[in-house]
Amino acid sequence: MRLAAIDIGSNAARLLIQEVTHPESGSPVFSKLNLIRIPLRLGFDVFREGSIGKEKADELLKTMQVYKIAMEIHQVAHYRACATSAMRDAANGAQLIDMIKAHTGIDIEIISGSEEAQIIYENHLNANINHRGRYLYIDVGGGSTEITLMKKDEIIFKESFNIGTIRLLNRQISDKQWATMKDTLKEITKGIPALQAIGSGGNINKVFSLTKSKENKPLLLGTLQTMYKSMSAMTVAERMNKYQLKEDRADVIVPALKVYTNIMKWAGIEEILVPRIGVADGIIKLLYEKLK
């Protein structure tokens, strides 16, 4: 069975297509057939103007038309399309969803920050972790950061904070917002020993690749802090040249590192696992469970 997930974020829109197979014994196997990422950057419109402008709206429609064709070519049986922070905040978000439905037939859901955190948590099912451990899941997006605290496979806290890379680039995060996140993290992690972080999202995946770390080996907080200090001293063009980054990654990777390092420091965590998962992976897991 072929399933697809569309994740419309503040920085990029992704289409993930996976084949789900069922061995005679054991868990289902999810194999990636295709991943298409388009850097729409809807957040730059929304977080500055409050709505998505005509140019970005046209790009969004064209992207969904491409995704529809890709799903047809791959003979996708079921899909789910979710929009996160930028579309949540956009005054014309519902209007654009109706327009896309009329032109492509694709149904898009605008999900809450809490549901986004739940979707990200679902990814731990395939992560190579100790399911009796204690983990803080961190997903840093363009418009928001989702935090999920798990203890022995049970969620004990989840929250979405409107602190994201594009908001940081636009200097739209107040000291009060940082203080709220800091106080929350210190409170929820107090007295929890041996807590480890798990990071998801394009930026932490890219950081992991740049460090040339071995699979399943965690990154140290000190490594992230060193990268943040080094990259912060560079221009976007210099980062693109040195690290072979696309422009839409080179500008957001620094604010992403700032968020990850702050969270780990406030939670007293020294290591972060990077299983290369994201919102789209979680959407497909939840879709599969619903169909099953």
Foldseek 3Di string as FASTA:
>chain_A
DKEWEWEAEQFKIKIWIWDWDDDPDDDIDTHTDDMDIDGLNQNVCCVVPQAGDPVSLVVVLVVLQVSLVVCVVVVHPYYAYEYEDSLVRHPCSVVSQVVSCVVRVDHYYYDYLQVLLVLQLLVVVPDPDDLQAWEWEWEAGAQWIWIFTDHSNHTPDIDIQRQHLVCVVVVNDDPVSLVVLLVVLLVVLPPHPPYEYEYEDDLVVLVCVQVVDDAPDWDFLVSLVVVLVVLVVDDLVVCCVPSVDDSSRSRRNNSVSVVVSSSCVSSVHTTYHYNHDHSRVSSVSVVVVVVD
